[in-house]
PDB file of N, CA and C in Angstrom:
ATOM      1  N   UNK A   1       0.785  -1.071   0.116  1.00  0.00           N
ATOM      2  CA  UNK A   1       0.005  -0.001   0.042  1.00  0.00           C
ATOM      3  C   UNK A   1       1.001   1.088  -0.097  1.00  0.00           C
ATOM      4  N   UNK A   2       0.674   2.129  -0.860  1.00  0.00           N
ATOM      5  CA  UNK A   2       1.445   3.345  -1.020  1.00  0.00           C
ATOM      6  C   UNK A   2       1.009   4.343  -0.131  1.00  0.00           C
ATOM      7  N   UNK A   3       1.584   4.880   0.657  1.00  0.00           N
ATOM      8  CA  UNK A   3       1.096   5.933   1.803  1.00  0.00           C
ATOM      9  C   UNK A   3       0.935   7.408   0.982  1.00  0.00           C
ATOM     10  N   UNK A   4      -0.207   7.884   1.352  1.00  0.00           N
ATOM     11  CA  UNK A   4      -0.408   9.112   1.093  1.00  0.00           C
ATOM     12  C   UNK A   4      -0.017  10.170   2.032  1.00  0.00           C
ATOM     13  N   UNK A   5       0.401  11.433   1.725  1.00  0.00           N
ATOM     14  CA  UNK A   5       0.904  12.349   2.468  1.00  0.00           C
ATOM     15  C   UNK A   5      -0.233  13.474   2.621  1.00  0.00           C
ATOM     16  N   UNK A   6      -0.552  13.665   3.955  1.00  0.00           N
ATOM     17  CA  UNK A   6      -1.690  14.424   4.214  1.00  0.00           C
ATOM     18  C   UNK A   6      -1.175  15.770   5.154  1.00  0.00           C
ATOM     19  N   UNK A   7      -1.773  16.827   5.028  1.00  0.00           N
ATOM     20  CA  UNK A   7      -1.273  17.931   5.915  1.00  0.00           C
ATOM     21  C   UNK A   7      -2.060  17.939   7.064  1.00  0.00           C
ATOM     22  N   UNK A   8      -1.503  18.517   8.089  1.00  0.00           N
ATOM     23  CA  UNK A   8      -1.936  18.440   9.485  1.00  0.00           C
ATOM     24  C   UNK A   8      -3.462  18.879   9.594  1.00  0.00           C
ATOM     25  N   UNK A   9      -3.764  19.874   8.799  1.00  0.00           N
ATOM     26  CA  UNK A   9      -5.021  20.521   8.701  1.00  0.00           C
ATOM     27  C   UNK A   9      -6.011  19.612   8.034  1.00  0.00           C
ATOM     28  N   UNK A  10      -5.583  18.762   7.038  1.00  0.00           N
ATOM     29  CA  UNK A  10      -6.469  17.725   6.634  1.00  0.00           C
ATOM     30  C   UNK A  10      -6.745  16.660   7.305  1.00  0.00           C
ATOM     31  N   UNK A  11      -5.973  16.183   8.262  1.00  0.00           N
ATOM     32  CA  UNK A  11      -6.035  15.140   9.141  1.00  0.00           C
ATOM     33  C   UNK A  11      -7.038  15.682  10.205  1.00  0.00           C
ATOM     34  N   UNK A  12      -6.770  16.848  10.645  1.00  0.00           N
ATOM     35  CA  UNK A  12      -7.619  17.402  11.738  1.00  0.00           C
ATOM     36  C   UNK A  12      -9.169  17.430  11.317  1.00  0.00           C
ATOM     37  N   UNK A  13      -9.369  18.111   9.908  1.00  0.00           N
ATOM     38  CA  UNK A  13     -10.617  18.219   9.444  1.00  0.00           C
ATOM     39  C   UNK A  13     -11.198  16.909   9.466  1.00  0.00           C
ATOM     40  N   UNK A  14     -10.570  15.695   8.827  1.00  0.00           N
ATOM     41  CA  UNK A  14     -11.076  14.349   8.824  1.00  0.00           C
ATOM     42  C   UNK A  14     -11.509  13.897  10.110  1.00  0.00           C
ATOM     43  N   UNK A  15     -10.438  13.910  11.026  1.00  0.00           N
ATOM     44  CA  UNK A  15     -10.758  13.430  12.401  1.00  0.00           C
ATOM     45  C   UNK A  15     -12.049  13.902  12.981  1.00  0.00           C
ATOM     46  N   UNK A  16     -12.045  15.520  12.932  1.00  0.00           N
ATOM     47  CA  UNK A  16     -13.145  16.151  13.434  1.00  0.00           C
ATOM     48  C   UNK A  16     -14.575  15.720  12.908  1.00  0.00           C
ATOM     49  N   UNK A  17     -14.563  15.404  11.627  1.00  0.00           N
ATOM     50  CA  UNK A  17     -15.771  15.230  10.929  1.00  0.00           C
ATOM     51  C   UNK A  17     -16.091  13.604  11.438  1.00  0.00           C
ATOM     52  N   UNK A  18     -15.236  12.678  11.520  1.00  0.00           N
ATOM     53  CA  UNK A  18     -15.480  11.450  11.831  1.00  0.00           C
ATOM     54  C   UNK A  18     -16.003  11.465  13.348  1.00  0.00           C
ATOM     55  N   UNK A  19     -15.404  12.283  14.315  1.00  0.00           N
ATOM     56  CA  UNK A  19     -15.853  12.576  15.595  1.00  0.00           C
ATOM     57  C   UNK A  19     -17.237  12.958  15.777  1.00  0.00           C
ATOM     58  N   UNK A  20     -17.617  14.026  14.666  1.00  0.00           N
ATOM     59  CA  UNK A  20     -18.964  14.613  14.732  1.00  0.00           C
ATOM     60  C   UNK A  20     -19.906  13.428  14.371  1.00  0.00           C
ATOM     61  N   UNK A  21     -19.569  12.623  13.232  1.00  0.00           N
ATOM     62  CA  UNK A  21     -20.476  11.582  12.842  1.00  0.00           C
ATOM     63  C   UNK A  21     -20.801  10.623  13.771  1.00  0.00           C
ATOM     64  N   UNK A  22     -19.775  10.070  14.623  1.00  0.00           N
ATOM     65  CA  UNK A  22     -19.879   9.178  15.654  1.00  0.00           C
ATOM     66  C   UNK A  22     -20.790   9.709  16.619  1.00  0.00           C
ATOM     67  N   UNK A  23     -20.539  10.853  17.198  1.00  0.00           N
ATOM     68  CA  UNK A  23     -21.229  11.623  18.210  1.00  0.00           C
ATOM     69  C   UNK A  23     -22.752  11.739  17.717  1.00  0.00           C
ATOM     70  N   UNK A  24     -22.859  11.986  16.549  1.00  0.00           N
ATOM     71  CA  UNK A  24     -24.358  12.281  15.922  1.00  0.00           C
ATOM     72  C   UNK A  24     -25.060  11.028  15.943  1.00  0.00           C
ATOM     73  N   UNK A  25     -24.266   9.822  15.750  1.00  0.00           N
ATOM     74  CA  UNK A  25     -24.949   8.494  15.824  1.00  0.00           C
ATOM     75  C   UNK A  25     -25.071   7.856  17.459  1.00  0.00           C
ATOM     76  N   UNK A  26     -24.655   8.601  18.353  1.00  0.00           N
ATOM     77  CA  UNK A  26     -24.840   8.185  19.610  1.00  0.00           C
ATOM     78  C   UNK A  26     -23.680   7.000  19.902  1.00  0.00           C
ATOM     79  N   UNK A  27     -22.571   7.137  19.024  1.00  0.00           N
ATOM     80  CA  UNK A  27     -21.418   6.159  19.158  1.00  0.00           C
ATOM     81  C   UNK A  27     -20.256   6.683  19.937  1.00  0.00           C
ATOM     82  N   UNK A  28     -19.758   6.257  21.091  1.00  0.00           N
ATOM     83  CA  UNK A  28     -18.514   6.537  21.773  1.00  0.00           C
ATOM     84  C   UNK A  28     -17.461   6.667  20.498  1.00  0.00           C
ATOM     85  N   UNK A  29     -16.737   7.846  20.747  1.00  0.00           N
ATOM     86  CA  UNK A  29     -15.681   8.199  19.704  1.00  0.00           C
ATOM     87  C   UNK A  29     -14.619   7.150  19.661  1.00  0.00           C
ATOM     88  N   UNK A  30     -14.100   6.626  20.955  1.00  0.00           N
ATOM     89  CA  UNK A  30     -13.020   5.680  20.895  1.00  0.00           C
ATOM     90  C   UNK A  30     -13.543   4.214  20.431  1.00  0.00           C
ATOM     91  N   UNK A  31     -14.717   4.002  20.721  1.00  0.00           N
ATOM     92  CA  UNK A  31     -15.272   2.595  20.312  1.00  0.00           C
ATOM     93  C   UNK A  31     -15.477   2.694  18.862  1.00  0.00           C
ATOM     94  N   UNK A  32     -16.006   3.736  18.270  1.00  0.00           N
ATOM     95  CA  UNK A  32     -16.222   3.927  16.909  1.00  0.00           C
ATOM     96  C   UNK A  32     -14.987   3.908  16.181  1.00  0.00           C
ATOM     97  N   UNK A  33     -13.889   4.324  16.765  1.00  0.00           N
ATOM     98  CA  UNK A  33     -12.553   4.571  16.075  1.00  0.00           C
ATOM     99  C   UNK A  33     -11.983   3.109  16.134  1.00  0.00           C
ATOM    100  N   UNK A  34     -12.086   2.451  17.144  1.00  0.00           N
ATOM    101  CA  UNK A  34     -11.546   1.079  17.261  1.00  0.00           C
ATOM    102  C   UNK A  34     -12.266   0.352  16.320  1.00  0.00           C
ATOM    103  N   UNK A  35     -13.572   0.242  16.145  1.00  0.00           N
ATOM    104  CA  UNK A  35     -14.220  -0.620  15.131  1.00  0.00           C
ATOM    105  C   UNK A  35     -13.957  -0.271  13.614  1.00  0.00           C
ATOM    106  N   UNK A  36     -13.603   1.015  13.449  1.00  0.00           N
ATOM    107  CA  UNK A  36     -13.072   1.435  12.223  1.00  0.00           C
ATOM    108  C   UNK A  36     -11.735   0.738  11.854  1.00  0.00           C
ATOM    109  N   UNK A  37     -10.903   0.652  12.767  1.00  0.00           N
ATOM    110  CA  UNK A  37      -9.540   0.221  12.758  1.00  0.00           C
ATOM    111  C   UNK A  37      -9.540  -1.291  12.587  1.00  0.00           C
ATOM    112  N   UNK A  38     -10.425  -1.921  13.401  1.00  0.00           N
ATOM    113  CA  UNK A  38     -10.597  -3.358  13.198  1.00  0.00           C
ATOM    114  C   UNK A  38     -11.144  -3.854  11.723  1.00  0.00           C
ATOM    115  N   UNK A  39     -12.198  -2.943  11.132  1.00  0.00           N
ATOM    116  CA  UNK A  39     -12.559  -3.335   9.816  1.00  0.00           C
ATOM    117  C   UNK A  39     -11.592  -3.098   8.877  1.00  0.00           C
ATOM    118  N   UNK A  40     -10.566  -2.058   8.982  1.00  0.00           N
ATOM    119  CA  UNK A  40      -9.662  -1.765   8.066  1.00  0.00           C
ATOM    120  C   UNK A  40      -8.581  -2.850   7.953  1.00  0.00           C
ATOM    121  N   UNK A  41      -8.175  -3.299   9.055  1.00  0.00           N
ATOM    122  CA  UNK A  41      -7.221  -4.379   9.159  1.00  0.00           C
ATOM    123  C   UNK A  41      -7.771  -5.643   8.895  1.00  0.00           C
ATOM    124  N   UNK A  42      -9.090  -5.972   8.867  1.00  0.00           N
ATOM    125  CA  UNK A  42      -9.590  -7.081   8.294  1.00  0.00           C
ATOM    126  C   UNK A  42      -9.715  -7.342   6.665  1.00  0.00           C
ATOM    127  N   UNK A  43      -9.787  -5.939   6.305  1.00  0.00           N
ATOM    128  CA  UNK A  43      -9.922  -5.816   4.745  1.00  0.00           C
ATOM    129  C   UNK A  43      -8.635  -5.633   4.007  1.00  0.00           C
ATOM    130  N   UNK A  44      -7.481  -5.628   4.722  1.00  0.00           N
ATOM    131  CA  UNK A  44      -6.256  -5.602   3.948  1.00  0.00           C
ATOM    132  C   UNK A  44      -5.626  -6.732   3.343  1.00  0.00           C
ATOM    133  N   UNK A  45      -6.003  -7.908   3.832  1.00  0.00           N
ATOM    134  CA  UNK A  45      -5.555  -9.172   3.253  1.00  0.00           C
ATOM    135  C   UNK A  45      -6.765 -10.088   3.153  1.00  0.00           C
ATOM    136  N   UNK A  46      -6.334 -11.194   2.579  1.00  0.00           N
ATOM    137  CA  UNK A  46      -7.533 -12.197   2.240  1.00  0.00           C
ATOM    138  C   UNK A  46      -7.957 -12.798   3.708  1.00  0.00           C
ATOM    139  N   UNK A  47      -7.107 -12.846   4.595  1.00  0.00           N
ATOM    140  CA  UNK A  47      -7.199 -13.500   5.899  1.00  0.00           C
ATOM    141  C   UNK A  47      -7.336 -12.262   6.903  1.00  0.00           C
ATOM    142  N   UNK A  48      -7.014 -11.064   6.760  1.00  0.00           N
ATOM    143  CA  UNK A  48      -7.144 -10.040   7.788  1.00  0.00           C
ATOM    144  C   UNK A  48      -5.726  -9.791   8.294  1.00  0.00           C
ATOM    145  N   UNK A  49      -5.479  -8.923   9.141  1.00  0.00           N
ATOM    146  CA  UNK A  49      -4.502  -8.748  10.031  1.00  0.00           C
ATOM    147  C   UNK A  49      -4.796  -8.919  11.221  1.00  0.00           C
ATOM    148  N   UNK A  50      -3.925  -9.670  12.107  1.00  0.00           N
ATOM    149  CA  UNK A  50      -4.128  -9.779  13.509  1.00  0.00           C
ATOM    150  C   UNK A  50      -2.795  -9.958  14.318  1.00  0.00           C
ATOM    151  N   UNK A  51      -2.998 -10.294  15.738  1.00  0.00           N
ATOM    152  CA  UNK A  51      -1.825 -10.286  16.457  1.00  0.00           C
ATOM    153  C   UNK A  51      -0.712 -11.281  15.775  1.00  0.00           C
ATOM    154  N   UNK A  52      -1.208 -12.320  15.172  1.00  0.00           N
ATOM    155  CA  UNK A  52      -0.133 -13.311  14.657  1.00  0.00           C
ATOM    156  C   UNK A  52       0.804 -12.752  13.926  1.00  0.00           C
ATOM    157  N   UNK A  53       0.327 -11.711  13.157  1.00  0.00           N
ATOM    158  CA  UNK A  53       1.154 -10.969  12.175  1.00  0.00           C
ATOM    159  C   UNK A  53       1.838 -10.015  12.655  1.00  0.00           C
ATOM    160  N   UNK A  54       2.015  -9.478  14.004  1.00  0.00           N
ATOM    161  CA  UNK A  54       2.770  -8.633  14.585  1.00  0.00           C
ATOM    162  C   UNK A  54       4.353  -8.888  14.229  1.00  0.00           C
ATOM    163  N   UNK A  55       4.958 -10.059  14.438  1.00  0.00           N
ATOM    164  CA  UNK A  55       6.369  -9.951  14.202  1.00  0.00           C
ATOM    165  C   UNK A  55       6.641  -9.776  12.877  1.00  0.00           C
ATOM    166  N   UNK A  56       5.998 -10.146  11.653  1.00  0.00           N
ATOM    167  CA  UNK A  56       6.075 -10.071  10.441  1.00  0.00           C
ATOM    168  C   UNK A  56       5.939  -8.411  10.163  1.00  0.00           C
ATOM    169  N   UNK A  57       5.037  -7.806  10.554  1.00  0.00           N
ATOM    170  CA  UNK A  57       4.767  -6.461  10.336  1.00  0.00           C
ATOM    171  C   UNK A  57       5.814  -5.559  10.968  1.00  0.00           C
ATOM    172  N   UNK A  58       6.378  -5.954  12.115  1.00  0.00           N
ATOM    173  CA  UNK A  58       7.560  -5.324  12.786  1.00  0.00           C
ATOM    174  C   UNK A  58       8.704  -5.399  11.921  1.00  0.00           C
ATOM    175  N   UNK A  59       9.036  -6.605  11.410  1.00  0.00           N
ATOM    176  CA  UNK A  59      10.159  -6.569  10.311  1.00  0.00           C
ATOM    177  C   UNK A  59      10.020  -5.800   9.151  1.00  0.00           C
ATOM    178  N   UNK A  60       8.681  -5.762   8.566  1.00  0.00           N
ATOM    179  CA  UNK A  60       8.399  -4.829   7.315  1.00  0.00           C
ATOM    180  C   UNK A  60       8.779  -3.502   7.818  1.00  0.00           C
ATOM    181  N   UNK A  61       8.112  -2.953   9.012  1.00  0.00           N
ATOM    182  CA  UNK A  61       8.412  -1.689   9.472  1.00  0.00           C
ATOM    183  C   UNK A  61       9.864  -1.156   9.512  1.00  0.00           C
ATOM    184  N   UNK A  62      10.696  -2.162   9.996  1.00  0.00           N
ATOM    185  CA  UNK A  62      12.058  -1.904  10.039  1.00  0.00           C
ATOM    186  C   UNK A  62      12.599  -1.756   8.772  1.00  0.00           C
ATOM    187  N   UNK A  63      12.273  -2.556   7.853  1.00  0.00           N
ATOM    188  CA  UNK A  63      13.027  -2.731   6.478  1.00  0.00           C
ATOM    189  C   UNK A  63      12.478  -1.226   5.873  1.00  0.00           C
ATOM    190  N   UNK A  64      11.236  -0.715   6.162  1.00  0.00           N
ATOM    191  CA  UNK A  64      10.791   0.640   5.674  1.00  0.00           C
ATOM    192  C   UNK A  64      11.663   1.767   6.155  1.00  0.00           C
ATOM    193  N   UNK A  65      11.850   1.617   7.425  1.00  0.00           N
ATOM    194  CA  UNK A  65      12.756   2.745   7.915  1.00  0.00           C
ATOM    195  C   UNK A  65      14.164   2.673   7.297  1.00  0.00           C
ATOM    196  N   UNK A  66      14.678   1.505   7.104  1.00  0.00           N
ATOM    197  CA  UNK A  66      15.968   1.151   6.452  1.00  0.00           C
ATOM    198  C   UNK A  66      16.098   1.856   4.964  1.00  0.00           C
ATOM    199  N   UNK A  67      14.787   1.680   4.226  1.00  0.00           N
ATOM    200  CA  UNK A  67      14.737   2.124   3.098  1.00  0.00           C
ATOM    201  C   UNK A  67      14.769   3.717   3.006  1.00  0.00           C
ATOM    202  N   UNK A  68      13.876   4.105   3.732  1.00  0.00           N
ATOM    203  CA  UNK A  68      13.681   5.685   4.026  1.00  0.00           C
ATOM    204  C   UNK A  68      15.004   6.263   4.396  1.00  0.00           C
ATOM    205  N   UNK A  69      15.985   5.775   5.456  1.00  0.00           N
ATOM    206  CA  UNK A  69      17.264   6.178   5.870  1.00  0.00           C
ATOM    207  C   UNK A  69      18.014   6.156   4.678  1.00  0.00           C
ATOM    208  N   UNK A  70      18.097   5.054   3.600  1.00  0.00           N
ATOM    209  CA  UNK A  70      19.204   4.842   2.498  1.00  0.00           C
ATOM    210  C   UNK A  70      18.745   5.902   1.474  1.00  0.00           C
ATOM    211  N   UNK A  71      17.242   6.062   1.278  1.00  0.00           N
ATOM    212  CA  UNK A  71      16.962   7.132   0.357  1.00  0.00           C
ATOM    213  C   UNK A  71      17.426   8.646   0.853  1.00  0.00           C
ATOM    214  N   UNK A  72      17.353   8.845   1.997  1.00  0.00           N
ATOM    215  CA  UNK A  72      17.719  10.193   2.567  1.00  0.00           C
ATOM    216  C   UNK A  72      19.205  10.415   2.397  1.00  0.00           C
ATOM    217  N   UNK A  73      19.833   9.305   2.591  1.00  0.00           N
ATOM    218  CA  UNK A  73      21.357   9.307   2.502  1.00  0.00           C
ATOM    219  C   UNK A  73      21.907   9.923   1.084  1.00  0.00           C
ATOM    220  N   UNK A  74      21.216   9.458   0.142  1.00  0.00           N
ATOM    221  CA  UNK A  74      21.557   9.665  -1.177  1.00  0.00           C
ATOM    222  C   UNK A  74      20.957  11.009  -1.744  1.00  0.00           C
ATOM    223  N   UNK A  75      20.317  11.786  -0.951  1.00  0.00           N
ATOM    224  CA  UNK A  75      19.549  13.111  -1.413  1.00  0.00           C
ATOM    225  C   UNK A  75      20.496  14.125  -0.747  1.00  0.00           C
TER     226      UNK A  75
END
């Protein structure tokens, strides 16, 4: 998945809109956000992403950090 780059203002507006929506539906903001995150993780792969994937994801994260460090070295 390619990462989008959003401004702080864009992120803030989106989060504010989400919070307003959840409140308007009578849903606790933290519970609503948790539910959205769970759904997102389930949709990312054929089998979903769960705690069993943590070691693999940590390794991928570390490789991403190394990649970005290498890119920054050459610029």
